[in-house]
Amino acid sequence: MSKLFYFKVTFLFVSVGLFVGNLAEGLFNIDYSNTELLLKLVLKSFVTAVLTGLLLGVLNMFFKIGDFNKKEND
């Protein structure tokens, strides 16, 4: 498997998980009537998820951690 495959898998899993987790946690703590806080929460969650996903994806390209075997169709 190529380095790009390891990067994509790690980046997608980490980014989606962090974005949803940060967003869900933040929604419990804010006032829904303030749209500025909602926008700030979404942007903060997105930036955190993308930067962390990029960092871990690049690291996984070089160390190739994880066994991502493709399933065979019978």
Protein backbone atom coordinates (compact mmCIF):
# COMPACT_ATOMS: atom_id res chain seq x y z
CA MET A 1 0.00 0.00 0.00
CA SER A 2 1.20 3.48 -0.80
CA LYS A 3 2.06 6.25 1.63
CA LEU A 4 -0.90 8.26 0.34
CA PHE A 5 -3.29 5.48 1.37
CA TYR A 6 -1.98 5.53 4.96
CA PHE A 7 -2.29 9.33 5.02
CA LYS A 8 -5.87 9.34 3.69
CA VAL A 9 -7.15 6.69 6.07
CA THR A 10 -5.59 8.32 9.13
CA PHE A 11 -6.56 11.85 8.10
CA LEU A 12 -10.21 10.98 7.45
CA PHE A 13 -10.76 8.91 10.57
CA VAL A 14 -9.05 11.36 12.91
CA SER A 15 -10.53 14.50 11.36
CA VAL A 16 -14.12 13.30 11.27
CA GLY A 17 -13.95 11.90 14.79
CA LEU A 18 -12.41 15.03 16.29
CA PHE A 19 -14.76 17.37 14.45
CA VAL A 20 -17.89 15.57 15.58
CA GLY A 21 -16.58 15.08 19.12
CA ASN A 22 -15.58 18.72 19.59
CA LEU A 23 -18.81 19.95 18.06
CA ALA A 24 -20.99 17.69 20.21
CA GLU A 25 -19.14 18.64 23.38
CA GLY A 26 -19.32 22.34 22.56
CA LEU A 27 -23.05 22.24 21.87
CA PHE A 28 -23.65 21.26 25.49
CA ASN A 29 -21.81 24.34 26.75
CA ILE A 30 -23.06 27.26 24.62
CA ASP A 31 -26.16 29.40 24.33
CA TYR A 32 -28.01 28.63 21.09
CA SER A 33 -29.34 32.16 20.67
CA ASN A 34 -25.85 33.56 20.02
CA THR A 35 -24.98 32.79 16.38
CA GLU A 36 -21.47 34.20 16.77
CA LEU A 37 -20.63 31.55 19.37
CA LEU A 38 -22.08 28.82 17.16
CA LEU A 39 -19.97 29.90 14.20
CA LYS A 40 -16.88 30.18 16.39
CA LEU A 41 -17.49 26.66 17.75
CA VAL A 42 -17.85 25.15 14.27
CA LEU A 43 -14.71 26.89 12.99
CA LYS A 44 -12.71 25.93 16.07
CA SER A 45 -13.80 22.30 15.75
CA PHE A 46 -12.98 22.25 12.03
CA VAL A 47 -9.52 23.81 12.39
CA THR A 48 -8.60 21.55 15.29
CA ALA A 49 -9.73 18.45 13.40
CA VAL A 50 -7.92 19.35 10.17
CA LEU A 51 -4.62 20.33 11.79
CA THR A 52 -4.55 17.26 14.03
CA GLY A 53 -5.54 15.03 11.10
CA LEU A 54 -2.77 16.48 8.94
CA LEU A 55 -0.15 16.01 11.63
CA LEU A 56 -1.13 12.42 12.42
CA GLY A 57 -1.62 11.60 8.73
CA VAL A 58 1.89 12.77 7.85
CA LEU A 59 3.34 10.82 10.77
CA ASN A 60 1.46 7.71 9.68
CA MET A 61 2.79 8.08 6.12
CA PHE A 62 6.31 7.52 7.41
CA PHE A 63 5.70 5.04 10.25
CA LYS A 64 2.85 3.10 8.55
CA ILE A 65 1.07 2.28 11.79
CA GLY A 66 -2.06 0.16 11.46
CA ASP A 67 -3.08 -2.82 9.41
CA PHE A 68 -5.49 -1.47 6.79
CA ASN A 69 -6.04 -4.54 4.66
CA LYS A 70 -8.57 -4.23 1.89
CA LYS A 71 -11.39 -6.77 1.98
CA GLU A 72 -11.54 -9.23 -0.86
CA ASN A 73 -14.82 -9.74 -2.67
CA ASP A 74 -15.81 -13.41 -3.07
